[in-house]
Amino acid sequence: MDEIVIDPTSTKRLGRALDRDARRRIDDALASMRNTLSGRRLWHVNSASASGGVAEMLSSLLPYAAGAGIDVHWGVIDSADDAFFEITKRLHNRLHETDVTADR
């Protein structure tokens, strides 16, 4: 597994896109997350560092978590077989309550 470097980013960058109250709510949510996860390391693991929805979300959101002082890491699995992807697809579908009959 390869670890992707996450450069911490401040939510101040969002100042032009969000009003003050919206940015405060994000900062409050990040502070709550930091307090909840204090002393813990949060790992996100997926199969790609670019392209695809998960990689796009992680690359844009994790820097804000890191910037808020959350010990966040991103690992990319460099080789996985079809059985691995079958299991992860099943977990995804069950977590999101999508059609679980499609993965049987």
PDB file of N, CA and C in Angstrom:
ATOM      1  N   MET A   1       0.848  -1.171   0.000  1.00  0.00           N
ATOM      2  CA  MET A   1       0.000   0.000   0.000  1.00  0.00           C
ATOM      3  C   MET A   1       0.897   1.238   0.000  1.00  0.00           C
ATOM      4  N   ASP A   2       0.530   2.204  -0.806  1.00  0.00           N
ATOM      5  CA  ASP A   2       1.243   3.479  -0.868  1.00  0.00           C
ATOM      6  C   ASP A   2       0.439   4.531  -0.108  1.00  0.00           C
ATOM      7  N   GLU A   3       1.152   5.375   0.632  1.00  0.00           N
ATOM      8  CA  GLU A   3       0.472   6.463   1.325  1.00  0.00           C
ATOM      9  C   GLU A   3       0.577   7.736   0.500  1.00  0.00           C
ATOM     10  N   ILE A   4      -0.563   8.378   0.302  1.00  0.00           N
ATOM     11  CA  ILE A   4      -0.628   9.635  -0.431  1.00  0.00           C
ATOM     12  C   ILE A   4      -0.362  10.772   0.558  1.00  0.00           C
ATOM     13  N   VAL A   5       0.512  11.679   0.184  1.00  0.00           N
ATOM     14  CA  VAL A   5       0.824  12.827   1.036  1.00  0.00           C
ATOM     15  C   VAL A   5      -0.370  13.788   1.025  1.00  0.00           C
ATOM     16  N   ILE A   6      -0.783  14.191   2.203  1.00  0.00           N
ATOM     17  CA  ILE A   6      -1.888  15.141   2.349  1.00  0.00           C
ATOM     18  C   ILE A   6      -1.310  16.445   2.859  1.00  0.00           C
ATOM     19  N   ASP A   7      -1.380  17.486   2.060  1.00  0.00           N
ATOM     20  CA  ASP A   7      -0.907  18.802   2.471  1.00  0.00           C
ATOM     21  C   ASP A   7      -2.034  19.523   3.212  1.00  0.00           C
ATOM     22  N   PRO A   8      -1.841  19.852   4.493  1.00  0.00           N
ATOM     23  CA  PRO A   8      -2.889  20.533   5.262  1.00  0.00           C
ATOM     24  C   PRO A   8      -3.304  21.844   4.606  1.00  0.00           C
ATOM     25  N   THR A   9      -4.595  22.083   4.633  1.00  0.00           N
ATOM     26  CA  THR A   9      -5.164  23.286   4.036  1.00  0.00           C
ATOM     27  C   THR A   9      -6.142  23.921   5.023  1.00  0.00           C
ATOM     28  N   SER A  10      -6.126  25.224   5.116  1.00  0.00           N
ATOM     29  CA  SER A  10      -7.042  25.950   5.989  1.00  0.00           C
ATOM     30  C   SER A  10      -8.375  26.192   5.276  1.00  0.00           C
ATOM     31  N   THR A  11      -9.434  26.202   6.052  1.00  0.00           N
ATOM     32  CA  THR A  11     -10.742  26.527   5.476  1.00  0.00           C
ATOM     33  C   THR A  11     -10.841  27.997   5.074  1.00  0.00           C
ATOM     34  N   LYS A  12      -9.829  28.794   5.408  1.00  0.00           N
ATOM     35  CA  LYS A  12      -9.825  30.195   4.978  1.00  0.00           C
ATOM     36  C   LYS A  12      -9.903  30.292   3.453  1.00  0.00           C
ATOM     37  N   ARG A  13      -9.405  29.250   2.776  1.00  0.00           N
ATOM     38  CA  ARG A  13      -9.487  29.223   1.302  1.00  0.00           C
ATOM     39  C   ARG A  13     -10.924  29.253   0.808  1.00  0.00           C
ATOM     40  N   LEU A  14     -11.855  28.837   1.652  1.00  0.00           N
ATOM     41  CA  LEU A  14     -13.264  28.768   1.266  1.00  0.00           C
ATOM     42  C   LEU A  14     -13.979  30.105   1.432  1.00  0.00           C
ATOM     43  N   GLY A  15     -13.266  31.107   1.934  1.00  0.00           N
ATOM     44  CA  GLY A  15     -13.864  32.402   2.232  1.00  0.00           C
ATOM     45  C   GLY A  15     -14.581  33.060   1.070  1.00  0.00           C
ATOM     46  N   ARG A  16     -14.075  32.873  -0.132  1.00  0.00           N
ATOM     47  CA  ARG A  16     -14.732  33.495  -1.291  1.00  0.00           C
ATOM     48  C   ARG A  16     -15.948  32.703  -1.757  1.00  0.00           C
ATOM     49  N   ALA A  17     -16.004  31.408  -1.434  1.00  0.00           N
ATOM     50  CA  ALA A  17     -17.099  30.557  -1.901  1.00  0.00           C
ATOM     51  C   ALA A  17     -18.229  30.429  -0.878  1.00  0.00           C
ATOM     52  N   LEU A  18     -17.916  30.625   0.398  1.00  0.00           N
ATOM     53  CA  LEU A  18     -18.909  30.442   1.455  1.00  0.00           C
ATOM     54  C   LEU A  18     -19.063  31.708   2.275  1.00  0.00           C
ATOM     55  N   ASP A  19     -20.265  31.910   2.796  1.00  0.00           N
ATOM     56  CA  ASP A  19     -20.428  33.042   3.704  1.00  0.00           C
ATOM     57  C   ASP A  19     -19.837  32.670   5.067  1.00  0.00           C
ATOM     58  N   ARG A  20     -19.748  33.647   5.933  1.00  0.00           N
ATOM     59  CA  ARG A  20     -19.088  33.465   7.229  1.00  0.00           C
ATOM     60  C   ARG A  20     -19.738  32.359   8.061  1.00  0.00           C
ATOM     61  N   ASP A  21     -21.086  32.295   8.064  1.00  0.00           N
ATOM     62  CA  ASP A  21     -21.776  31.279   8.863  1.00  0.00           C
ATOM     63  C   ASP A  21     -21.504  29.873   8.332  1.00  0.00           C
ATOM     64  N   ALA A  22     -21.490  29.707   7.038  1.00  0.00           N
ATOM     65  CA  ALA A  22     -21.229  28.387   6.463  1.00  0.00           C
ATOM     66  C   ALA A  22     -19.813  27.923   6.800  1.00  0.00           C
ATOM     67  N   ARG A  23     -18.866  28.827   6.684  1.00  0.00           N
ATOM     68  CA  ARG A  23     -17.496  28.455   7.017  1.00  0.00           C
ATOM     69  C   ARG A  23     -17.342  28.158   8.508  1.00  0.00           C
ATOM     70  N   ARG A  24     -18.036  28.885   9.351  1.00  0.00           N
ATOM     71  CA  ARG A  24     -18.000  28.628  10.793  1.00  0.00           C
ATOM     72  C   ARG A  24     -18.564  27.240  11.092  1.00  0.00           C
ATOM     73  N   ARG A  25     -19.633  26.845  10.398  1.00  0.00           N
ATOM     74  CA  ARG A  25     -20.202  25.510  10.615  1.00  0.00           C
ATOM     75  C   ARG A  25     -19.210  24.421  10.214  1.00  0.00           C
ATOM     76  N   ILE A  26     -18.485  24.637   9.130  1.00  0.00           N
ATOM     77  CA  ILE A  26     -17.462  23.674   8.714  1.00  0.00           C
ATOM     78  C   ILE A  26     -16.347  23.619   9.755  1.00  0.00           C
ATOM     79  N   ASP A  27     -15.882  24.780  10.195  1.00  0.00           N
ATOM     80  CA  ASP A  27     -14.828  24.813  11.217  1.00  0.00           C
ATOM     81  C   ASP A  27     -15.287  24.143  12.514  1.00  0.00           C
ATOM     82  N   ASP A  28     -16.550  24.369  12.895  1.00  0.00           N
ATOM     83  CA  ASP A  28     -17.078  23.735  14.103  1.00  0.00           C
ATOM     84  C   ASP A  28     -17.143  22.215  13.933  1.00  0.00           C
ATOM     85  N   ALA A  29     -17.559  21.761  12.768  1.00  0.00           N
ATOM     86  CA  ALA A  29     -17.630  20.314  12.510  1.00  0.00           C
ATOM     87  C   ALA A  29     -16.236  19.691  12.543  1.00  0.00           C
ATOM     88  N   LEU A  30     -15.259  20.384  11.965  1.00  0.00           N
ATOM     89  CA  LEU A  30     -13.887  19.875  11.995  1.00  0.00           C
ATOM     90  C   LEU A  30     -13.335  19.852  13.414  1.00  0.00           C
ATOM     91  N   ALA A  31     -13.649  20.864  14.210  1.00  0.00           N
ATOM     92  CA  ALA A  31     -13.191  20.893  15.603  1.00  0.00           C
ATOM     93  C   ALA A  31     -13.822  19.746  16.396  1.00  0.00           C
ATOM     94  N   SER A  32     -15.088  19.484  16.167  1.00  0.00           N
ATOM     95  CA  SER A  32     -15.765  18.378  16.835  1.00  0.00           C
ATOM     96  C   SER A  32     -15.143  17.044  16.428  1.00  0.00           C
ATOM     97  N   MET A  33     -14.850  16.908  15.151  1.00  0.00           N
ATOM     98  CA  MET A  33     -14.209  15.695  14.651  1.00  0.00           C
ATOM     99  C   MET A  33     -12.821  15.522  15.278  1.00  0.00           C
ATOM    100  N   ARG A  34     -12.071  16.617  15.347  1.00  0.00           N
ATOM    101  CA  ARG A  34     -10.736  16.577  15.953  1.00  0.00           C
ATOM    102  C   ARG A  34     -10.829  16.129  17.409  1.00  0.00           C
ATOM    103  N   ASN A  35     -11.803  16.658  18.156  1.00  0.00           N
ATOM    104  CA  ASN A  35     -11.974  16.281  19.555  1.00  0.00           C
ATOM    105  C   ASN A  35     -12.390  14.811  19.686  1.00  0.00           C
ATOM    106  N   THR A  36     -13.281  14.370  18.835  1.00  0.00           N
ATOM    107  CA  THR A  36     -13.749  12.984  18.874  1.00  0.00           C
ATOM    108  C   THR A  36     -12.623  12.009  18.558  1.00  0.00           C
ATOM    109  N   LEU A  37     -11.773  12.381  17.612  1.00  0.00           N
ATOM    110  CA  LEU A  37     -10.708  11.487  17.160  1.00  0.00           C
ATOM    111  C   LEU A  37      -9.378  11.721  17.874  1.00  0.00           C
ATOM    112  N   SER A  38      -9.372  12.565  18.876  1.00  0.00           N
ATOM    113  CA  SER A  38      -8.137  12.890  19.581  1.00  0.00           C
ATOM    114  C   SER A  38      -7.403  11.622  20.009  1.00  0.00           C
ATOM    115  N   GLY A  39      -6.119  11.570  19.671  1.00  0.00           N
ATOM    116  CA  GLY A  39      -5.308  10.411  20.025  1.00  0.00           C
ATOM    117  C   GLY A  39      -5.464   9.239  19.074  1.00  0.00           C
ATOM    118  N   ARG A  40      -6.262   9.420  18.029  1.00  0.00           N
ATOM    119  CA  ARG A  40      -6.488   8.346  17.055  1.00  0.00           C
ATOM    120  C   ARG A  40      -5.994   8.773  15.684  1.00  0.00           C
ATOM    121  N   ARG A  41      -5.690   7.813  14.864  1.00  0.00           N
ATOM    122  CA  ARG A  41      -5.276   8.054  13.480  1.00  0.00           C
ATOM    123  C   ARG A  41      -6.401   7.559  12.577  1.00  0.00           C
ATOM    124  N   LEU A  42      -6.828   8.398  11.649  1.00  0.00           N
ATOM    125  CA  LEU A  42      -7.917   8.073  10.729  1.00  0.00           C
ATOM    126  C   LEU A  42      -7.335   7.744   9.357  1.00  0.00           C
ATOM    127  N   TRP A  43      -7.576   6.532   8.889  1.00  0.00           N
ATOM    128  CA  TRP A  43      -7.084   6.091   7.579  1.00  0.00           C
ATOM    129  C   TRP A  43      -8.232   5.970   6.602  1.00  0.00           C
ATOM    130  N   HIS A  44      -8.017   6.457   5.407  1.00  0.00           N
ATOM    131  CA  HIS A  44      -8.909   6.233   4.270  1.00  0.00           C
ATOM    132  C   HIS A  44      -8.117   5.364   3.305  1.00  0.00           C
ATOM    133  N   VAL A  45      -8.695   4.258   2.895  1.00  0.00           N
ATOM    134  CA  VAL A  45      -7.995   3.335   2.002  1.00  0.00           C
ATOM    135  C   VAL A  45      -8.874   3.089   0.781  1.00  0.00           C
ATOM    136  N   ASN A  46      -8.294   3.261  -0.385  1.00  0.00           N
ATOM    137  CA  ASN A  46      -9.008   2.954  -1.613  1.00  0.00           C
ATOM    138  C   ASN A  46      -8.017   2.446  -2.655  1.00  0.00           C
ATOM    139  N   SER A  47      -8.492   2.285  -3.876  1.00  0.00           N
ATOM    140  CA  SER A  47      -7.660   1.634  -4.889  1.00  0.00           C
ATOM    141  C   SER A  47      -7.075   2.585  -5.927  1.00  0.00           C
ATOM    142  N   ALA A  48      -7.327   3.879  -5.787  1.00  0.00           N
ATOM    143  CA  ALA A  48      -6.795   4.824  -6.777  1.00  0.00           C
ATOM    144  C   ALA A  48      -6.551   6.176  -6.121  1.00  0.00           C
ATOM    145  N   SER A  49      -5.494   6.841  -6.566  1.00  0.00           N
ATOM    146  CA  SER A  49      -5.208   8.176  -6.031  1.00  0.00           C
ATOM    147  C   SER A  49      -5.697   9.277  -6.968  1.00  0.00           C
ATOM    148  N   ALA A  50      -6.157   8.897  -8.132  1.00  0.00           N
ATOM    149  CA  ALA A  50      -6.667   9.867  -9.111  1.00  0.00           C
ATOM    150  C   ALA A  50      -7.787   9.206  -9.903  1.00  0.00           C
ATOM    151  N   SER A  51      -8.629  10.013 -10.438  1.00  0.00           N
ATOM    152  CA  SER A  51      -9.801   9.596 -11.211  1.00  0.00           C
ATOM    153  C   SER A  51     -10.736   8.761 -10.350  1.00  0.00           C
ATOM    154  N   GLY A  52     -11.979   8.901 -10.592  1.00  0.00           N
ATOM    155  CA  GLY A  52     -12.983   8.210  -9.797  1.00  0.00           C
ATOM    156  C   GLY A  52     -13.480   9.082  -8.667  1.00  0.00           C
ATOM    157  N   GLY A  53     -14.708   8.843  -8.263  1.00  0.00           N
ATOM    158  CA  GLY A  53     -15.355   9.670  -7.252  1.00  0.00           C
ATOM    159  C   GLY A  53     -14.675   9.690  -5.899  1.00  0.00           C
ATOM    160  N   VAL A  54     -14.237   8.522  -5.428  1.00  0.00           N
ATOM    161  CA  VAL A  54     -13.617   8.469  -4.107  1.00  0.00           C
ATOM    162  C   VAL A  54     -12.318   9.262  -4.095  1.00  0.00           C
ATOM    163  N   ALA A  55     -11.481   9.059  -5.088  1.00  0.00           N
ATOM    164  CA  ALA A  55     -10.207   9.783  -5.146  1.00  0.00           C
ATOM    165  C   ALA A  55     -10.438  11.287  -5.250  1.00  0.00           C
ATOM    166  N   GLU A  56     -11.436  11.695  -6.006  1.00  0.00           N
ATOM    167  CA  GLU A  56     -11.741  13.122  -6.132  1.00  0.00           C
ATOM    168  C   GLU A  56     -12.169  13.710  -4.791  1.00  0.00           C
ATOM    169  N   MET A  57     -13.019  12.986  -4.062  1.00  0.00           N
ATOM    170  CA  MET A  57     -13.467  13.486  -2.765  1.00  0.00           C
ATOM    171  C   MET A  57     -12.318  13.529  -1.759  1.00  0.00           C
ATOM    172  N   LEU A  58     -11.539  12.453  -1.700  1.00  0.00           N
ATOM    173  CA  LEU A  58     -10.456  12.424  -0.729  1.00  0.00           C
ATOM    174  C   LEU A  58      -9.420  13.499  -1.008  1.00  0.00           C
ATOM    175  N   SER A  59      -9.074  13.692  -2.265  1.00  0.00           N
ATOM    176  CA  SER A  59      -8.035  14.684  -2.584  1.00  0.00           C
ATOM    177  C   SER A  59      -8.483  16.102  -2.260  1.00  0.00           C
ATOM    178  N   SER A  60      -9.787  16.353  -2.298  1.00  0.00           N
ATOM    179  CA  SER A  60     -10.246  17.712  -2.009  1.00  0.00           C
ATOM    180  C   SER A  60     -10.650  17.912  -0.554  1.00  0.00           C
ATOM    181  N   LEU A  61     -11.071  16.875   0.154  1.00  0.00           N
ATOM    182  CA  LEU A  61     -11.560  17.041   1.527  1.00  0.00           C
ATOM    183  C   LEU A  61     -10.526  16.752   2.612  1.00  0.00           C
ATOM    184  N   LEU A  62      -9.659  15.768   2.394  1.00  0.00           N
ATOM    185  CA  LEU A  62      -8.708  15.402   3.445  1.00  0.00           C
ATOM    186  C   LEU A  62      -7.744  16.533   3.821  1.00  0.00           C
ATOM    187  N   PRO A  63      -7.332  17.391   2.884  1.00  0.00           N
ATOM    188  CA  PRO A  63      -6.459  18.502   3.303  1.00  0.00           C
ATOM    189  C   PRO A  63      -7.102  19.412   4.357  1.00  0.00           C
ATOM    190  N   TYR A  64      -8.421  19.588   4.309  1.00  0.00           N
ATOM    191  CA  TYR A  64      -9.091  20.411   5.326  1.00  0.00           C
ATOM    192  C   TYR A  64      -9.075  19.710   6.683  1.00  0.00           C
ATOM    193  N   ALA A  65      -9.261  18.392   6.697  1.00  0.00           N
ATOM    194  CA  ALA A  65      -9.189  17.638   7.950  1.00  0.00           C
ATOM    195  C   ALA A  65      -7.781  17.737   8.534  1.00  0.00           C
ATOM    196  N   ALA A  66      -6.776  17.554   7.680  1.00  0.00           N
ATOM    197  CA  ALA A  66      -5.383  17.663   8.142  1.00  0.00           C
ATOM    198  C   ALA A  66      -5.096  19.076   8.640  1.00  0.00           C
ATOM    199  N   GLY A  67      -5.617  20.076   7.947  1.00  0.00           N
ATOM    200  CA  GLY A  67      -5.417  21.463   8.350  1.00  0.00           C
ATOM    201  C   GLY A  67      -6.066  21.793   9.684  1.00  0.00           C
ATOM    202  N   ALA A  68      -7.085  21.011  10.048  1.00  0.00           N
ATOM    203  CA  ALA A  68      -7.768  21.224  11.327  1.00  0.00           C
ATOM    204  C   ALA A  68      -7.103  20.446  12.459  1.00  0.00           C
ATOM    205  N   GLY A  69      -5.995  19.773  12.161  1.00  0.00           N
ATOM    206  CA  GLY A  69      -5.263  19.060  13.196  1.00  0.00           C
ATOM    207  C   GLY A  69      -5.700  17.619  13.402  1.00  0.00           C
ATOM    208  N   ILE A  70      -6.446  17.071  12.460  1.00  0.00           N
ATOM    209  CA  ILE A  70      -6.879  15.671  12.542  1.00  0.00           C
ATOM    210  C   ILE A  70      -5.773  14.809  11.943  1.00  0.00           C
ATOM    211  N   ASP A  71      -5.416  13.739  12.623  1.00  0.00           N
ATOM    212  CA  ASP A  71      -4.365  12.834  12.156  1.00  0.00           C
ATOM    213  C   ASP A  71      -4.955  11.912  11.090  1.00  0.00           C
ATOM    214  N   VAL A  72      -4.995  12.413   9.877  1.00  0.00           N
ATOM    215  CA  VAL A  72      -5.655  11.722   8.778  1.00  0.00           C
ATOM    216  C   VAL A  72      -4.623  11.248   7.759  1.00  0.00           C
ATOM    217  N   HIS A  73      -4.855  10.053   7.227  1.00  0.00           N
ATOM    218  CA  HIS A  73      -3.944   9.449   6.253  1.00  0.00           C
ATOM    219  C   HIS A  73      -4.756   8.829   5.129  1.00  0.00           C
ATOM    220  N   TRP A  74      -4.105   8.707   3.965  1.00  0.00           N
ATOM    221  CA  TRP A  74      -4.766   8.140   2.792  1.00  0.00           C
ATOM    222  C   TRP A  74      -3.854   7.074   2.207  1.00  0.00           C
ATOM    223  N   GLY A  75      -4.339   5.844   2.200  1.00  0.00           N
ATOM    224  CA  GLY A  75      -3.584   4.745   1.623  1.00  0.00           C
ATOM    225  C   GLY A  75      -4.227   4.254   0.346  1.00  0.00           C
ATOM    226  N   VAL A  76      -3.384   3.940  -0.630  1.00  0.00           N
ATOM    227  CA  VAL A  76      -3.868   3.406  -1.908  1.00  0.00           C
ATOM    228  C   VAL A  76      -3.302   2.001  -2.075  1.00  0.00           C
ATOM    229  N   ILE A  77      -4.193   1.060  -2.232  1.00  0.00           N
ATOM    230  CA  ILE A  77      -3.793  -0.329  -2.426  1.00  0.00           C
ATOM    231  C   ILE A  77      -3.238  -0.463  -3.838  1.00  0.00           C
ATOM    232  N   ASP A  78      -2.007  -0.931  -3.926  1.00  0.00           N
ATOM    233  CA  ASP A  78      -1.360  -0.990  -5.235  1.00  0.00           C
ATOM    234  C   ASP A  78      -1.694  -2.246  -6.021  1.00  0.00           C
ATOM    235  N   SER A  79      -2.135  -3.289  -5.379  1.00  0.00           N
ATOM    236  CA  SER A  79      -2.539  -4.483  -6.125  1.00  0.00           C
ATOM    237  C   SER A  79      -3.611  -5.213  -5.340  1.00  0.00           C
ATOM    238  N   ALA A  80      -4.715  -5.425  -5.972  1.00  0.00           N
ATOM    239  CA  ALA A  80      -5.814  -6.150  -5.356  1.00  0.00           C
ATOM    240  C   ALA A  80      -6.468  -7.019  -6.425  1.00  0.00           C
ATOM    241  N   ASP A  81      -6.935  -8.166  -6.001  1.00  0.00           N
ATOM    242  CA  ASP A  81      -7.558  -9.071  -6.966  1.00  0.00           C
ATOM    243  C   ASP A  81      -9.067  -8.843  -7.018  1.00  0.00           C
ATOM    244  N   ASP A  82      -9.735  -9.589  -7.896  1.00  0.00           N
ATOM    245  CA  ASP A  82     -11.179  -9.429  -8.070  1.00  0.00           C
ATOM    246  C   ASP A  82     -11.959  -9.720  -6.788  1.00  0.00           C
ATOM    247  N   ALA A  83     -11.476 -10.662  -5.979  1.00  0.00           N
ATOM    248  CA  ALA A  83     -12.168 -10.993  -4.730  1.00  0.00           C
ATOM    249  C   ALA A  83     -12.188  -9.793  -3.784  1.00  0.00           C
ATOM    250  N   PHE A  84     -11.088  -9.050  -3.738  1.00  0.00           N
ATOM    251  CA  PHE A  84     -11.032  -7.860  -2.900  1.00  0.00           C
ATOM    252  C   PHE A  84     -12.100  -6.854  -3.334  1.00  0.00           C
ATOM    253  N   PHE A  85     -12.184  -6.586  -4.639  1.00  0.00           N
ATOM    254  CA  PHE A  85     -13.158  -5.618  -5.129  1.00  0.00           C
ATOM    255  C   PHE A  85     -14.587  -6.108  -4.951  1.00  0.00           C
ATOM    256  N   GLU A  86     -14.807  -7.403  -5.020  1.00  0.00           N
ATOM    257  CA  GLU A  86     -16.135  -7.966  -4.765  1.00  0.00           C
ATOM    258  C   GLU A  86     -16.562  -7.681  -3.325  1.00  0.00           C
ATOM    259  N   ILE A  87     -15.655  -7.874  -2.393  1.00  0.00           N
ATOM    260  CA  ILE A  87     -15.965  -7.622  -0.976  1.00  0.00           C
ATOM    261  C   ILE A  87     -16.192  -6.135  -0.734  1.00  0.00           C
ATOM    262  N   THR A  88     -15.336  -5.286  -1.287  1.00  0.00           N
ATOM    263  CA  THR A  88     -15.508  -3.846  -1.051  1.00  0.00           C
ATOM    264  C   THR A  88     -16.793  -3.333  -1.686  1.00  0.00           C
ATOM    265  N   LYS A  89     -17.167  -3.878  -2.827  1.00  0.00           N
ATOM    266  CA  LYS A  89     -18.427  -3.472  -3.461  1.00  0.00           C
ATOM    267  C   LYS A  89     -19.609  -3.889  -2.588  1.00  0.00           C
ATOM    268  N   ARG A  90     -19.551  -5.082  -2.041  1.00  0.00           N
ATOM    269  CA  ARG A  90     -20.621  -5.566  -1.168  1.00  0.00           C
ATOM    270  C   ARG A  90     -20.722  -4.702   0.086  1.00  0.00           C
ATOM    271  N   LEU A  91     -19.583  -4.369   0.699  1.00  0.00           N
ATOM    272  CA  LEU A  91     -19.596  -3.487   1.874  1.00  0.00           C
ATOM    273  C   LEU A  91     -20.189  -2.124   1.532  1.00  0.00           C
ATOM    274  N   HIS A  92     -19.750  -1.559   0.424  1.00  0.00           N
ATOM    275  CA  HIS A  92     -20.258  -0.257  -0.012  1.00  0.00           C
ATOM    276  C   HIS A  92     -21.772  -0.296  -0.171  1.00  0.00           C
ATOM    277  N   ASN A  93     -22.265  -1.306  -0.874  1.00  0.00           N
ATOM    278  CA  ASN A  93     -23.703  -1.402  -1.117  1.00  0.00           C
ATOM    279  C   ASN A  93     -24.487  -1.554   0.176  1.00  0.00           C
ATOM    280  N   ARG A  94     -23.964  -2.320   1.099  1.00  0.00           N
ATOM    281  CA  ARG A  94     -24.680  -2.521   2.365  1.00  0.00           C
ATOM    282  C   ARG A  94     -24.615  -1.269   3.241  1.00  0.00           C
ATOM    283  N   LEU A  95     -23.484  -0.593   3.257  1.00  0.00           N
ATOM    284  CA  LEU A  95     -23.378   0.642   4.037  1.00  0.00           C
ATOM    285  C   LEU A  95     -24.316   1.716   3.513  1.00  0.00           C
ATOM    286  N   HIS A  96     -24.484   1.750   2.212  1.00  0.00           N
ATOM    287  CA  HIS A  96     -25.318   2.783   1.589  1.00  0.00           C
ATOM    288  C   HIS A  96     -26.712   2.284   1.254  1.00  0.00           C
ATOM    289  N   GLU A  97     -27.012   1.067   1.695  1.00  0.00           N
ATOM    290  CA  GLU A  97     -28.337   0.476   1.508  1.00  0.00           C
ATOM    291  C   GLU A  97     -28.788   0.514   0.052  1.00  0.00           C
ATOM    292  N   THR A  98     -27.846   0.264  -0.844  1.00  0.00           N
ATOM    293  CA  THR A  98     -28.210   0.164  -2.251  1.00  0.00           C
ATOM    294  C   THR A  98     -28.631  -1.268  -2.524  1.00  0.00           C
ATOM    295  N   ASP A  99     -28.977  -1.571  -3.720  1.00  0.00           N
ATOM    296  CA  ASP A  99     -29.487  -2.884  -4.093  1.00  0.00           C
ATOM    297  C   ASP A  99     -28.434  -3.958  -3.822  1.00  0.00           C
ATOM    298  N   VAL A 100     -28.568  -4.657  -2.691  1.00  0.00           N
ATOM    299  CA  VAL A 100     -27.592  -5.675  -2.336  1.00  0.00           C
ATOM    300  C   VAL A 100     -27.779  -6.954  -3.134  1.00  0.00           C
ATOM    301  N   THR A 101     -28.910  -7.119  -3.793  1.00  0.00           N
ATOM    302  CA  THR A 101     -29.105  -8.317  -4.608  1.00  0.00           C
ATOM    303  C   THR A 101     -28.241  -8.260  -5.868  1.00  0.00           C
ATOM    304  N   ALA A 102     -27.820  -7.058  -6.251  1.00  0.00           N
ATOM    305  CA  ALA A 102     -27.003  -6.910  -7.460  1.00  0.00           C
ATOM    306  C   ALA A 102     -25.601  -7.443  -7.274  1.00  0.00           C
ATOM    307  N   ASP A 103     -25.158  -7.587  -6.030  1.00  0.00           N
ATOM    308  CA  ASP A 103     -23.773  -8.038  -5.812  1.00  0.00           C
ATOM    309  C   ASP A 103     -23.716  -9.506  -5.373  1.00  0.00           C
ATOM    310  N   ARG A 104     -24.763 -10.253  -5.561  1.00  0.00           N
ATOM    311  CA  ARG A 104     -24.736 -11.675  -5.190  1.00  0.00           C
ATOM    312  C   ARG A 104     -24.438 -12.540  -6.368  1.00  0.00           C
TER     313      ARG A 104
END
